[in-house]
Amino acid sequence: MTYTTLALKDKILEMYPEIELHKLSVGLEFDEETETYIVTFRRGGHLLTTHIERRDADECMKGTMCVYLGVQVGQFVKNFEERIDFGRKAA
């Protein structure tokens, strides 16, 4: 299956609206050596880097949600929100 990194990024943003809802920035690049897509989520000083196997990226482009990526996004959002809540309670 042929697609660009930008098309995959757009598909990820479409499938996981919580990324934009929580104002996370997303970086995506293909690593030729490991043949995986490296995904970077950022918000403020917080960073999460994960990867997507090529076959999972292919499925994502077909509209099948990548469970592994969804878990990573959910955990990052949860951790980020907990840090904000903890900061409010500590202040």
Protein backbone atom coordinates (compact mmCIF):
# COMPACT_ATOMS: atom_id res chain seq x y z
CA MET A 1 0.00 0.00 0.00
CA THR A 2 1.38 3.40 -0.98
CA TYR A 3 0.66 6.61 0.95
CA THR A 4 2.58 9.59 2.22
CA THR A 5 3.58 10.27 5.80
CA LEU A 6 1.32 13.34 5.69
CA ALA A 7 -1.65 11.20 4.61
CA LEU A 8 -1.01 8.81 7.52
CA LYS A 9 -0.76 11.70 9.96
CA ASP A 10 -4.06 13.12 8.68
CA LYS A 11 -5.67 9.68 9.06
CA ILE A 12 -4.39 9.36 12.64
CA LEU A 13 -5.80 12.80 13.49
CA GLU A 14 -9.12 11.81 11.93
CA MET A 15 -9.31 8.50 13.81
CA TYR A 16 -8.20 9.89 17.17
CA PRO A 17 -9.98 13.25 17.65
CA GLU A 18 -8.76 13.40 21.26
CA ILE A 19 -5.35 14.40 19.86
CA GLU A 20 -6.67 17.74 18.65
CA LEU A 21 -9.19 18.01 21.50
CA HIS A 22 -6.30 18.01 23.99
CA LYS A 23 -4.17 20.25 21.75
CA LEU A 24 -1.37 17.74 21.24
CA SER A 25 1.05 18.37 18.41
CA VAL A 26 1.98 15.34 16.34
CA GLY A 27 5.19 14.54 14.53
CA LEU A 28 5.46 11.55 12.21
CA GLU A 29 8.43 10.17 10.29
CA PHE A 30 9.31 6.87 8.69
CA ASP A 31 12.39 5.05 9.99
CA GLU A 32 13.91 3.18 7.05
CA GLU A 33 16.13 1.01 9.27
CA THR A 34 13.29 -0.41 11.39
CA GLU A 35 10.56 0.09 8.76
CA THR A 36 8.31 1.70 11.36
CA TYR A 37 6.65 5.07 11.67
CA ILE A 38 7.89 7.09 14.64
CA VAL A 39 5.09 9.12 16.21
CA THR A 40 5.82 11.99 18.57
CA PHE A 41 3.15 13.70 20.67
CA ARG A 42 3.95 16.97 22.44
CA ARG A 43 2.16 19.41 24.64
CA GLY A 44 4.14 22.01 26.51
CA GLY A 45 7.20 20.32 27.96
CA HIS A 46 5.60 16.86 27.84
CA LEU A 47 6.62 14.37 25.18
CA LEU A 48 5.62 10.85 24.17
CA THR A 49 7.35 8.95 21.40
CA THR A 50 5.95 5.67 20.12
CA HIS A 51 5.97 3.76 16.87
CA ILE A 52 3.58 2.13 14.43
CA GLU A 53 4.56 -0.99 12.53
CA ARG A 54 4.11 -0.70 8.78
CA ARG A 55 1.31 -3.30 8.71
CA ASP A 56 -0.56 -1.36 11.43
CA ALA A 57 -0.11 1.86 9.45
CA ASP A 58 -1.49 0.09 6.37
CA GLU A 59 -4.55 -1.01 8.36
CA CYS A 60 -4.95 2.51 9.74
CA MET A 61 -5.03 3.88 6.20
CA LYS A 62 -7.81 1.38 5.43
CA GLY A 63 -9.81 2.77 8.35
CA THR A 64 -9.00 0.14 10.97
CA MET A 65 -8.06 1.71 14.29
CA CYS A 66 -4.64 0.81 15.62
CA VAL A 67 -5.34 -0.38 19.16
CA TYR A 68 -1.72 0.05 20.24
CA LEU A 69 -1.62 3.67 19.09
CA GLY A 70 -5.01 4.39 20.65
CA VAL A 71 -3.77 3.08 24.01
CA GLN A 72 -0.64 5.23 23.75
CA VAL A 73 -2.67 8.36 22.92
CA GLY A 74 -5.12 7.65 25.75
CA GLN A 75 -2.34 7.10 28.28
CA PHE A 76 -0.52 10.28 27.25
CA VAL A 77 -3.70 12.35 27.56
CA LYS A 78 -4.48 10.76 30.95
CA ASN A 79 -0.96 11.39 32.27
CA PHE A 80 -0.99 14.96 31.01
CA GLU A 81 -4.39 15.72 32.57
CA GLU A 82 -3.35 14.12 35.89
CA ARG A 83 -0.25 16.35 36.01
CA ILE A 84 -2.40 19.43 35.43
CA ASP A 85 -4.87 18.34 38.14
CA PHE A 86 -2.04 17.59 40.57
CA GLY A 87 -0.53 21.02 39.92
CA ARG A 88 -3.87 22.70 40.65
CA LYS A 89 -4.34 20.75 43.90
CA ALA A 90 -0.77 21.41 45.04
CA ALA A 91 -0.98 25.16 44.47
